[in-house]
Structures are given as C-alpha cells and as structure tokens.
Amino acid sequence: DVSFINYRHGDKSSYESVCQKLMNGEEKYDAVLIAPNFTEETQELA
C-alpha cells in the first residue's frame, strides 16, 4: 500500500512538520519515498 504526506515546497516549517510525523511515530510505514527539500531536516530524518 502507498500513501502520501504532502508539504509546501520551500516552506521550512511545513517540511519539518512532515518529518516530525514520521519520527514521532504518527505514521505507520515500512519504507519511505522522499522528495527532499531542506538539507538539515532531511539529514535528521534520514
């Protein structure tokens, strides 16, 4: 099954929020497809 979480491109707070959802366990997943937007936030999620 494939699901989406969308963020506003260029909006740091929006991107951070999406990353936090994954790290806080708010989403269930076995794998992640990422279109990265901000380097530090992506590195933290990775």
All heavy atoms as atom14 arrays in JSON, in Angstrom:
{
  "sequence": "DVSFINYRHGDKSSYESVCQKLMNGEEKYDAVLIAPNFTEETQELA",
  "atom14_mask": [
    [1, 1, 1, 1, 1, 1, 1, 1, 0, 0, 0, 0, 0, 0],
    [1, 1, 1, 1, 1, 1, 1, 0, 0, 0, 0, 0, 0, 0],
    [1, 1, 1, 1, 1, 1, 0, 0, 0, 0, 0, 0, 0, 0],
    [1, 1, 1, 1, 1, 1, 1, 1, 1, 1, 1, 0, 0, 0],
    [1, 1, 1, 1, 1, 1, 1, 1, 0, 0, 0, 0, 0, 0],
    [1, 1, 1, 1, 1, 1, 1, 1, 0, 0, 0, 0, 0, 0],
    [1, 1, 1, 1, 1, 1, 1, 1, 1, 1, 1, 1, 0, 0],
    [1, 1, 1, 1, 1, 1, 1, 1, 1, 1, 1, 0, 0, 0],
    [1, 1, 1, 1, 1, 1, 1, 1, 1, 1, 0, 0, 0, 0],
    [1, 1, 1, 1, 0, 0, 0, 0, 0, 0, 0, 0, 0, 0],
    [1, 1, 1, 1, 1, 1, 1, 1, 0, 0, 0, 0, 0, 0],
    [1, 1, 1, 1, 1, 1, 1, 1, 1, 0, 0, 0, 0, 0],
    [1, 1, 1, 1, 1, 1, 0, 0, 0, 0, 0, 0, 0, 0],
    [1, 1, 1, 1, 1, 1, 0, 0, 0, 0, 0, 0, 0, 0],
    [1, 1, 1, 1, 1, 1, 1, 1, 1, 1, 1, 1, 0, 0],
    [1, 1, 1, 1, 1, 1, 1, 1, 1, 0, 0, 0, 0, 0],
    [1, 1, 1, 1, 1, 1, 0, 0, 0, 0, 0, 0, 0, 0],
    [1, 1, 1, 1, 1, 1, 1, 0, 0, 0, 0, 0, 0, 0],
    [1, 1, 1, 1, 1, 1, 0, 0, 0, 0, 0, 0, 0, 0],
    [1, 1, 1, 1, 1, 1, 1, 1, 1, 0, 0, 0, 0, 0],
    [1, 1, 1, 1, 1, 1, 1, 1, 1, 0, 0, 0, 0, 0],
    [1, 1, 1, 1, 1, 1, 1, 1, 0, 0, 0, 0, 0, 0],
    [1, 1, 1, 1, 1, 1, 1, 1, 0, 0, 0, 0, 0, 0],
    [1, 1, 1, 1, 1, 1, 1, 1, 0, 0, 0, 0, 0, 0],
    [1, 1, 1, 1, 0, 0, 0, 0, 0, 0, 0, 0, 0, 0],
    [1, 1, 1, 1, 1, 1, 1, 1, 1, 0, 0, 0, 0, 0],
    [1, 1, 1, 1, 1, 1, 1, 1, 1, 0, 0, 0, 0, 0],
    [1, 1, 1, 1, 1, 1, 1, 1, 1, 0, 0, 0, 0, 0],
    [1, 1, 1, 1, 1, 1, 1, 1, 1, 1, 1, 1, 0, 0],
    [1, 1, 1, 1, 1, 1, 1, 1, 0, 0, 0, 0, 0, 0],
    [1, 1, 1, 1, 1, 0, 0, 0, 0, 0, 0, 0, 0, 0],
    [1, 1, 1, 1, 1, 1, 1, 0, 0, 0, 0, 0, 0, 0],
    [1, 1, 1, 1, 1, 1, 1, 1, 0, 0, 0, 0, 0, 0],
    [1, 1, 1, 1, 1, 1, 1, 1, 0, 0, 0, 0, 0, 0],
    [1, 1, 1, 1, 1, 0, 0, 0, 0, 0, 0, 0, 0, 0],
    [1, 1, 1, 1, 1, 1, 1, 0, 0, 0, 0, 0, 0, 0],
    [1, 1, 1, 1, 1, 1, 1, 1, 0, 0, 0, 0, 0, 0],
    [1, 1, 1, 1, 1, 1, 1, 1, 1, 1, 1, 0, 0, 0],
    [1, 1, 1, 1, 1, 1, 1, 0, 0, 0, 0, 0, 0, 0],
    [1, 1, 1, 1, 1, 1, 1, 1, 1, 0, 0, 0, 0, 0],
    [1, 1, 1, 1, 1, 1, 1, 1, 1, 0, 0, 0, 0, 0],
    [1, 1, 1, 1, 1, 1, 1, 0, 0, 0, 0, 0, 0, 0],
    [1, 1, 1, 1, 1, 1, 1, 1, 1, 0, 0, 0, 0, 0],
    [1, 1, 1, 1, 1, 1, 1, 1, 1, 0, 0, 0, 0, 0],
    [1, 1, 1, 1, 1, 1, 1, 1, 0, 0, 0, 0, 0, 0],
    [1, 1, 1, 1, 1, 0, 0, 0, 0, 0, 0, 0, 0, 0]
  ],
  "atom14_positions": [
    [[0.85, -1.19, 0.0], [0.0, 0.0, 0.0], [0.89, 1.24, 0.0], [1.94, 1.26, 0.66], [-0.9, 0.03, 1.23], [-1.94, -1.08, 1.21], [-2.5, -1.34, 0.12], [-2.19, -1.7, 2.26], [0.0, 0.0, 0.0], [0.0, 0.0, 0.0], [0.0, 0.0, 0.0], [0.0, 0.0, 0.0], [0.0, 0.0, 0.0], [0.0, 0.0, 0.0]],
    [[0.45, 2.26, -0.7], [1.21, 3.51, -0.82], [0.34, 4.67, -0.37], [-0.81, 4.79, -0.79], [1.69, 3.73, -2.27], [2.42, 5.08, -2.39], [2.62, 2.6, -2.71], [0.0, 0.0, 0.0], [0.0, 0.0, 0.0], [0.0, 0.0, 0.0], [0.0, 0.0, 0.0], [0.0, 0.0, 0.0], [0.0, 0.0, 0.0], [0.0, 0.0, 0.0]],
    [[0.89, 5.51, 0.49], [0.17, 6.7, 0.95], [1.06, 7.92, 0.8], [2.27, 7.81, 0.57], [-0.27, 6.54, 2.41], [0.86, 6.36, 3.25], [0.0, 0.0, 0.0], [0.0, 0.0, 0.0], [0.0, 0.0, 0.0], [0.0, 0.0, 0.0], [0.0, 0.0, 0.0], [0.0, 0.0, 0.0], [0.0, 0.0, 0.0], [0.0, 0.0, 0.0]],
    [[0.45, 9.11, 0.93], [1.18, 10.37, 0.71], [1.06, 11.27, 1.93], [0.03, 11.33, 2.58], [0.6, 11.12, -0.49], [0.83, 10.43, -1.82], [-0.06, 9.46, -2.27], [1.93, 10.74, -2.6], [0.13, 8.83, -3.48], [2.12, 10.11, -3.82], [1.23, 9.15, -4.25], [0.0, 0.0, 0.0], [0.0, 0.0, 0.0], [0.0, 0.0, 0.0]],
    [[2.15, 11.99, 2.19], [2.13, 13.13, 3.11], [2.72, 14.31, 2.33], [3.87, 14.23, 1.88], [2.96, 12.88, 4.38], [2.53, 11.59, 5.07], [2.83, 14.06, 5.33], [3.36, 11.27, 6.31], [0.0, 0.0, 0.0], [0.0, 0.0, 0.0], [0.0, 0.0, 0.0], [0.0, 0.0, 0.0], [0.0, 0.0, 0.0], [0.0, 0.0, 0.0]],
    [[1.95, 15.35, 2.16], [2.4, 16.48, 1.34], [2.85, 17.66, 2.19], [2.3, 17.93, 3.25], [1.27, 16.94, 0.4], [0.87, 15.85, -0.58], [-0.2, 15.25, -0.45], [1.71, 15.57, -1.55], [0.0, 0.0, 0.0], [0.0, 0.0, 0.0], [0.0, 0.0, 0.0], [0.0, 0.0, 0.0], [0.0, 0.0, 0.0], [0.0, 0.0, 0.0]],
    [[3.84, 18.34, 1.7], [4.33, 19.57, 2.35], [4.38, 20.69, 1.31], [4.36, 20.44, 0.1], [5.7, 19.36, 2.98], [6.81, 19.06, 1.98], [7.53, 20.11, 1.38], [7.15, 17.75, 1.63], [8.54, 19.85, 0.46], [8.15, 17.48, 0.72], [8.85, 18.53, 0.14], [9.84, 18.27, -0.77], [0.0, 0.0, 0.0], [0.0, 0.0, 0.0]],
    [[4.47, 21.9, 1.77], [4.57, 23.06, 0.88], [6.04, 23.29, 0.52], [6.86, 23.55, 1.41], [3.97, 24.31, 1.53], [2.47, 24.2, 1.76], [1.9, 25.5, 2.32], [2.46, 25.79, 3.65], [2.03, 25.26, 4.77], [1.01, 24.39, 4.77], [2.6, 25.59, 5.94], [0.0, 0.0, 0.0], [0.0, 0.0, 0.0], [0.0, 0.0, 0.0]],
    [[6.34, 23.19, -0.76], [7.73, 23.32, -1.21], [8.29, 24.69, -0.83], [7.66, 25.72, -1.03], [7.8, 23.14, -2.73], [9.2, 23.04, -3.25], [9.97, 24.12, -3.56], [9.98, 21.94, -3.48], [11.17, 23.73, -3.97], [11.19, 22.41, -3.94], [0.0, 0.0, 0.0], [0.0, 0.0, 0.0], [0.0, 0.0, 0.0], [0.0, 0.0, 0.0]],
    [[9.5, 24.68, -0.25], [10.13, 25.92, 0.16], [9.68, 26.43, 1.51], [10.2, 27.45, 1.99], [0.0, 0.0, 0.0], [0.0, 0.0, 0.0], [0.0, 0.0, 0.0], [0.0, 0.0, 0.0], [0.0, 0.0, 0.0], [0.0, 0.0, 0.0], [0.0, 0.0, 0.0], [0.0, 0.0, 0.0], [0.0, 0.0, 0.0], [0.0, 0.0, 0.0]],
    [[8.75, 25.75, 2.14], [8.23, 26.14, 3.45], [8.88, 25.24, 4.5], [8.51, 24.08, 4.66], [6.7, 25.99, 3.47], [6.08, 26.51, 4.76], [6.73, 26.41, 5.82], [4.92, 27.0, 4.71], [0.0, 0.0, 0.0], [0.0, 0.0, 0.0], [0.0, 0.0, 0.0], [0.0, 0.0, 0.0], [0.0, 0.0, 0.0], [0.0, 0.0, 0.0]],
    [[9.83, 25.8, 5.22], [10.62, 25.01, 6.16], [9.76, 24.4, 7.26], [9.92, 23.23, 7.61], [11.72, 25.87, 6.78], [12.72, 25.08, 7.61], [13.86, 25.98, 8.05], [14.89, 25.2, 8.85], [16.04, 26.05, 9.26], [0.0, 0.0, 0.0], [0.0, 0.0, 0.0], [0.0, 0.0, 0.0], [0.0, 0.0, 0.0], [0.0, 0.0, 0.0]],
    [[8.84, 25.17, 7.81], [8.0, 24.66, 8.9], [7.11, 23.52, 8.41], [6.87, 22.55, 9.13], [7.16, 25.77, 9.5], [6.25, 26.31, 8.54], [0.0, 0.0, 0.0], [0.0, 0.0, 0.0], [0.0, 0.0, 0.0], [0.0, 0.0, 0.0], [0.0, 0.0, 0.0], [0.0, 0.0, 0.0], [0.0, 0.0, 0.0], [0.0, 0.0, 0.0]],
    [[6.61, 23.64, 7.19], [5.78, 22.58, 6.62], [6.58, 21.3, 6.45], [6.11, 20.2, 6.78], [5.21, 23.03, 5.27], [4.47, 22.0, 4.66], [0.0, 0.0, 0.0], [0.0, 0.0, 0.0], [0.0, 0.0, 0.0], [0.0, 0.0, 0.0], [0.0, 0.0, 0.0], [0.0, 0.0, 0.0], [0.0, 0.0, 0.0], [0.0, 0.0, 0.0]],
    [[7.81, 21.43, 5.95], [8.66, 20.26, 5.75], [9.06, 19.63, 7.08], [9.06, 18.41, 7.24], [9.9, 20.66, 4.95], [10.76, 19.5, 4.52], [10.3, 18.59, 3.57], [12.04, 19.31, 5.05], [11.09, 17.52, 3.17], [12.83, 18.25, 4.66], [12.35, 17.35, 3.71], [13.13, 16.3, 3.32], [0.0, 0.0, 0.0], [0.0, 0.0, 0.0]],
    [[9.41, 20.49, 8.04], [9.76, 19.99, 9.38], [8.6, 19.2, 9.99], [8.81, 18.15, 10.62], [10.12, 21.16, 10.3], [11.49, 21.76, 10.05], [11.77, 22.91, 10.99], [10.8, 23.58, 11.41], [12.95, 23.16, 11.31], [0.0, 0.0, 0.0], [0.0, 0.0, 0.0], [0.0, 0.0, 0.0], [0.0, 0.0, 0.0], [0.0, 0.0, 0.0]],
    [[7.39, 19.71, 9.83], [6.22, 19.05, 10.4], [6.04, 17.65, 9.84], [5.74, 16.7, 10.57], [4.97, 19.9, 10.12], [3.8, 19.25, 10.57], [0.0, 0.0, 0.0], [0.0, 0.0, 0.0], [0.0, 0.0, 0.0], [0.0, 0.0, 0.0], [0.0, 0.0, 0.0], [0.0, 0.0, 0.0], [0.0, 0.0, 0.0], [0.0, 0.0, 0.0]],
    [[6.25, 17.52, 8.53], [6.12, 16.21, 7.89], [7.18, 15.25, 8.41], [6.9, 14.08, 8.72], [6.22, 16.37, 6.36], [6.45, 15.02, 5.69], [4.96, 17.01, 5.8], [0.0, 0.0, 0.0], [0.0, 0.0, 0.0], [0.0, 0.0, 0.0], [0.0, 0.0, 0.0], [0.0, 0.0, 0.0], [0.0, 0.0, 0.0], [0.0, 0.0, 0.0]],
    [[8.4, 15.73, 8.52], [9.49, 14.88, 9.02], [9.21, 14.44, 10.45], [9.46, 13.27, 10.81], [10.82, 15.63, 8.94], [11.4, 15.96, 7.25], [0.0, 0.0, 0.0], [0.0, 0.0, 0.0], [0.0, 0.0, 0.0], [0.0, 0.0, 0.0], [0.0, 0.0, 0.0], [0.0, 0.0, 0.0], [0.0, 0.0, 0.0], [0.0, 0.0, 0.0]],
    [[8.7, 15.35, 11.26], [8.41, 15.02, 12.65], [7.31, 13.96, 12.76], [7.33, 13.12, 13.67], [8.0, 16.28, 13.42], [9.16, 17.22, 13.73], [10.23, 16.57, 14.6], [9.92, 15.78, 15.5], [11.48, 16.89, 14.34], [0.0, 0.0, 0.0], [0.0, 0.0, 0.0], [0.0, 0.0, 0.0], [0.0, 0.0, 0.0], [0.0, 0.0, 0.0]],
    [[6.34, 13.99, 11.86], [5.28, 12.98, 11.87], [5.87, 11.58, 11.77], [5.44, 10.66, 12.46], [4.3, 13.22, 10.72], [3.27, 14.28, 10.97], [2.26, 14.32, 9.83], [1.17, 15.35, 10.11], [0.16, 15.37, 9.03], [0.0, 0.0, 0.0], [0.0, 0.0, 0.0], [0.0, 0.0, 0.0], [0.0, 0.0, 0.0], [0.0, 0.0, 0.0]],
    [[6.86, 11.43, 10.91], [7.48, 10.12, 10.76], [8.32, 9.76, 11.96], [8.29, 8.61, 12.44], [8.34, 10.09, 9.49], [7.63, 9.62, 8.21], [6.54, 10.61, 7.8], [8.62, 9.42, 7.08], [0.0, 0.0, 0.0], [0.0, 0.0, 0.0], [0.0, 0.0, 0.0], [0.0, 0.0, 0.0], [0.0, 0.0, 0.0], [0.0, 0.0, 0.0]],
    [[9.06, 10.72, 12.5], [9.95, 10.42, 13.62], [9.19, 10.26, 14.94], [9.68, 9.6, 15.86], [11.01, 11.53, 13.74], [12.0, 11.52, 12.56], [13.39, 12.67, 12.78], [12.56, 14.25, 12.55], [0.0, 0.0, 0.0], [0.0, 0.0, 0.0], [0.0, 0.0, 0.0], [0.0, 0.0, 0.0], [0.0, 0.0, 0.0], [0.0, 0.0, 0.0]],
    [[7.99, 10.85, 15.01], [7.19, 10.74, 16.23], [6.29, 9.51, 16.24], [5.52, 9.31, 17.19], [6.34, 11.99, 16.44], [7.19, 13.21, 16.74], [8.33, 13.09, 17.16], [6.64, 14.4, 16.52], [0.0, 0.0, 0.0], [0.0, 0.0, 0.0], [0.0, 0.0, 0.0], [0.0, 0.0, 0.0], [0.0, 0.0, 0.0], [0.0, 0.0, 0.0]],
    [[6.32, 8.75, 15.19], [5.5, 7.55, 15.13], [4.04, 7.79, 14.81], [3.2, 6.93, 15.06], [0.0, 0.0, 0.0], [0.0, 0.0, 0.0], [0.0, 0.0, 0.0], [0.0, 0.0, 0.0], [0.0, 0.0, 0.0], [0.0, 0.0, 0.0], [0.0, 0.0, 0.0], [0.0, 0.0, 0.0], [0.0, 0.0, 0.0], [0.0, 0.0, 0.0]],
    [[3.74, 8.99, 14.23], [2.35, 9.29, 13.89], [1.9, 8.57, 12.63], [0.7, 8.5, 12.34], [2.18, 10.8, 13.7], [2.46, 11.61, 14.97], [2.34, 13.11, 14.72], [1.44, 13.5, 13.95], [3.14, 13.87, 15.28], [0.0, 0.0, 0.0], [0.0, 0.0, 0.0], [0.0, 0.0, 0.0], [0.0, 0.0, 0.0], [0.0, 0.0, 0.0]],
    [[2.85, 8.06, 11.86], [2.55, 7.32, 10.63], [3.13, 5.92, 10.73], [4.21, 5.72, 11.29], [3.14, 8.03, 9.42], [2.59, 9.43, 9.16], [1.16, 9.39, 8.64], [0.81, 8.4, 7.98], [0.43, 10.37, 8.88], [0.0, 0.0, 0.0], [0.0, 0.0, 0.0], [0.0, 0.0, 0.0], [0.0, 0.0, 0.0], [0.0, 0.0, 0.0]],
    [[2.41, 4.95, 10.19], [2.91, 3.58, 10.12], [3.49, 3.35, 8.73], [2.84, 3.63, 7.73], [1.78, 2.58, 10.39], [1.13, 2.75, 11.77], [2.12, 2.48, 12.9], [1.44, 2.6, 14.25], [2.4, 2.38, 15.37], [0.0, 0.0, 0.0], [0.0, 0.0, 0.0], [0.0, 0.0, 0.0], [0.0, 0.0, 0.0], [0.0, 0.0, 0.0]],
    [[4.72, 2.83, 8.68], [5.34, 2.63, 7.39], [6.45, 1.6, 7.5], [7.03, 1.39, 8.57], [5.92, 3.94, 6.85], [6.84, 4.64, 7.83], [8.2, 4.35, 7.87], [6.35, 5.58, 8.73], [9.05, 4.97, 8.77], [7.18, 6.21, 9.63], [8.53, 5.91, 9.65], [9.36, 6.53, 10.55], [0.0, 0.0, 0.0], [0.0, 0.0, 0.0]],
    [[6.73, 0.96, 6.37], [7.84, 0.01, 6.27], [8.96, 0.56, 5.4], [10.08, 0.04, 5.43], [7.35, -1.31, 5.68], [6.28, -1.96, 6.54], [6.62, -2.45, 7.62], [5.09, -1.94, 6.13], [0.0, 0.0, 0.0], [0.0, 0.0, 0.0], [0.0, 0.0, 0.0], [0.0, 0.0, 0.0], [0.0, 0.0, 0.0], [0.0, 0.0, 0.0]],
    [[8.65, 1.58, 4.6], [9.63, 2.21, 3.73], [9.13, 3.61, 3.39], [7.93, 3.89, 3.49], [9.86, 1.39, 2.46], [0.0, 0.0, 0.0], [0.0, 0.0, 0.0], [0.0, 0.0, 0.0], [0.0, 0.0, 0.0], [0.0, 0.0, 0.0], [0.0, 0.0, 0.0], [0.0, 0.0, 0.0], [0.0, 0.0, 0.0], [0.0, 0.0, 0.0]],
    [[10.06, 4.47, 2.96], [9.7, 5.87, 2.71], [10.32, 6.33, 1.39], [11.51, 6.08, 1.12], [10.19, 6.8, 3.84], [9.66, 8.21, 3.64], [9.77, 6.25, 5.2], [0.0, 0.0, 0.0], [0.0, 0.0, 0.0], [0.0, 0.0, 0.0], [0.0, 0.0, 0.0], [0.0, 0.0, 0.0], [0.0, 0.0, 0.0], [0.0, 0.0, 0.0]],
    [[9.5, 6.99, 0.59], [9.97, 7.67, -0.62], [9.99, 9.16, -0.31], [8.97, 9.73, 0.07], [9.04, 7.37, -1.79], [9.4, 8.04, -3.13], [10.68, 7.43, -3.69], [8.26, 7.89, -4.13], [0.0, 0.0, 0.0], [0.0, 0.0, 0.0], [0.0, 0.0, 0.0], [0.0, 0.0, 0.0], [0.0, 0.0, 0.0], [0.0, 0.0, 0.0]],
    [[11.14, 9.81, -0.49], [11.3, 11.19, -0.06], [11.72, 12.07, -1.23], [12.69, 11.77, -1.93], [12.36, 11.31, 1.05], [12.04, 10.36, 2.22], [12.46, 12.75, 1.55], [13.15, 10.29, 3.26], [0.0, 0.0, 0.0], [0.0, 0.0, 0.0], [0.0, 0.0, 0.0], [0.0, 0.0, 0.0], [0.0, 0.0, 0.0], [0.0, 0.0, 0.0]],
    [[10.98, 13.17, -1.42], [11.42, 14.25, -2.29], [11.99, 15.33, -1.37], [11.25, 16.14, -0.83], [10.25, 14.8, -3.1], [0.0, 0.0, 0.0], [0.0, 0.0, 0.0], [0.0, 0.0, 0.0], [0.0, 0.0, 0.0], [0.0, 0.0, 0.0], [0.0, 0.0, 0.0], [0.0, 0.0, 0.0], [0.0, 0.0, 0.0], [0.0, 0.0, 0.0]],
    [[13.31, 15.33, -1.11], [13.89, 16.19, -0.09], [13.76, 17.67, -0.44], [13.71, 18.05, -1.61], [15.37, 15.78, -0.07], [15.43, 14.47, -0.77], [14.32, 14.49, -1.77], [0.0, 0.0, 0.0], [0.0, 0.0, 0.0], [0.0, 0.0, 0.0], [0.0, 0.0, 0.0], [0.0, 0.0, 0.0], [0.0, 0.0, 0.0], [0.0, 0.0, 0.0]],
    [[13.74, 18.51, 0.61], [13.59, 19.93, 0.39], [14.61, 20.76, 1.17], [15.17, 21.7, 0.63], [12.16, 20.37, 0.75], [11.74, 21.64, 0.08], [10.81, 22.32, 0.51], [12.4, 22.04, -0.99], [0.0, 0.0, 0.0], [0.0, 0.0, 0.0], [0.0, 0.0, 0.0], [0.0, 0.0, 0.0], [0.0, 0.0, 0.0], [0.0, 0.0, 0.0]],
    [[14.86, 20.44, 2.42], [15.83, 21.15, 3.24], [16.87, 20.15, 3.75], [16.52, 19.07, 4.24], [15.14, 21.84, 4.42], [14.28, 23.01, 4.02], [12.95, 22.81, 3.68], [14.8, 24.29, 3.98], [12.15, 23.87, 3.3], [14.01, 25.36, 3.6], [12.68, 25.16, 3.26], [0.0, 0.0, 0.0], [0.0, 0.0, 0.0], [0.0, 0.0, 0.0]],
    [[18.14, 20.52, 3.65], [19.22, 19.58, 3.91], [19.25, 19.09, 5.35], [19.25, 17.88, 5.6], [20.57, 20.21, 3.54], [20.57, 20.52, 2.14], [21.71, 19.24, 3.84], [0.0, 0.0, 0.0], [0.0, 0.0, 0.0], [0.0, 0.0, 0.0], [0.0, 0.0, 0.0], [0.0, 0.0, 0.0], [0.0, 0.0, 0.0], [0.0, 0.0, 0.0]],
    [[19.31, 19.99, 6.33], [19.47, 19.57, 7.72], [18.29, 18.74, 8.2], [18.47, 17.73, 8.89], [19.64, 20.8, 8.61], [20.98, 21.51, 8.41], [21.17, 22.66, 9.38], [20.32, 22.83, 10.29], [22.16, 23.4, 9.24], [0.0, 0.0, 0.0], [0.0, 0.0, 0.0], [0.0, 0.0, 0.0], [0.0, 0.0, 0.0], [0.0, 0.0, 0.0]],
    [[17.09, 19.14, 7.84], [15.9, 18.4, 8.25], [15.88, 17.01, 7.61], [15.48, 16.03, 8.24], [14.65, 19.18, 7.89], [14.4, 20.42, 8.73], [15.38, 21.54, 8.45], [16.03, 21.54, 7.39], [15.5, 22.44, 9.31], [0.0, 0.0, 0.0], [0.0, 0.0, 0.0], [0.0, 0.0, 0.0], [0.0, 0.0, 0.0], [0.0, 0.0, 0.0]],
    [[16.32, 16.94, 6.35], [16.37, 15.65, 5.67], [17.42, 14.75, 6.31], [17.2, 13.54, 6.5], [16.68, 15.84, 4.18], [15.69, 16.69, 3.58], [16.69, 14.5, 3.45], [0.0, 0.0, 0.0], [0.0, 0.0, 0.0], [0.0, 0.0, 0.0], [0.0, 0.0, 0.0], [0.0, 0.0, 0.0], [0.0, 0.0, 0.0], [0.0, 0.0, 0.0]],
    [[18.57, 15.32, 6.65], [19.62, 14.53, 7.3], [19.15, 13.97, 8.64], [19.46, 12.84, 9.0], [20.87, 15.39, 7.49], [21.59, 15.71, 6.18], [22.7, 16.73, 6.35], [22.73, 17.48, 7.33], [23.62, 16.76, 5.41], [0.0, 0.0, 0.0], [0.0, 0.0, 0.0], [0.0, 0.0, 0.0], [0.0, 0.0, 0.0], [0.0, 0.0, 0.0]],
    [[18.38, 14.78, 9.38], [17.86, 14.3, 10.66], [16.88, 13.14, 10.46], [16.95, 12.12, 11.16], [17.16, 15.44, 11.41], [16.64, 15.03, 12.78], [15.92, 16.15, 13.51], [15.79, 17.26, 12.93], [15.47, 15.92, 14.65], [0.0, 0.0, 0.0], [0.0, 0.0, 0.0], [0.0, 0.0, 0.0], [0.0, 0.0, 0.0], [0.0, 0.0, 0.0]],
    [[15.99, 13.29, 9.49], [15.04, 12.22, 9.21], [15.76, 10.97, 8.72], [15.45, 9.85, 9.15], [14.03, 12.68, 8.15], [13.06, 11.62, 7.63], [12.22, 11.04, 8.76], [12.16, 12.2, 6.53], [0.0, 0.0, 0.0], [0.0, 0.0, 0.0], [0.0, 0.0, 0.0], [0.0, 0.0, 0.0], [0.0, 0.0, 0.0], [0.0, 0.0, 0.0]],
    [[16.74, 11.15, 7.83], [17.48, 10.0, 7.31], [18.21, 9.27, 8.43], [18.25, 8.03, 8.45], [18.47, 10.46, 6.24], [0.0, 0.0, 0.0], [0.0, 0.0, 0.0], [0.0, 0.0, 0.0], [0.0, 0.0, 0.0], [0.0, 0.0, 0.0], [0.0, 0.0, 0.0], [0.0, 0.0, 0.0], [0.0, 0.0, 0.0], [0.0, 0.0, 0.0]]
  ]
}
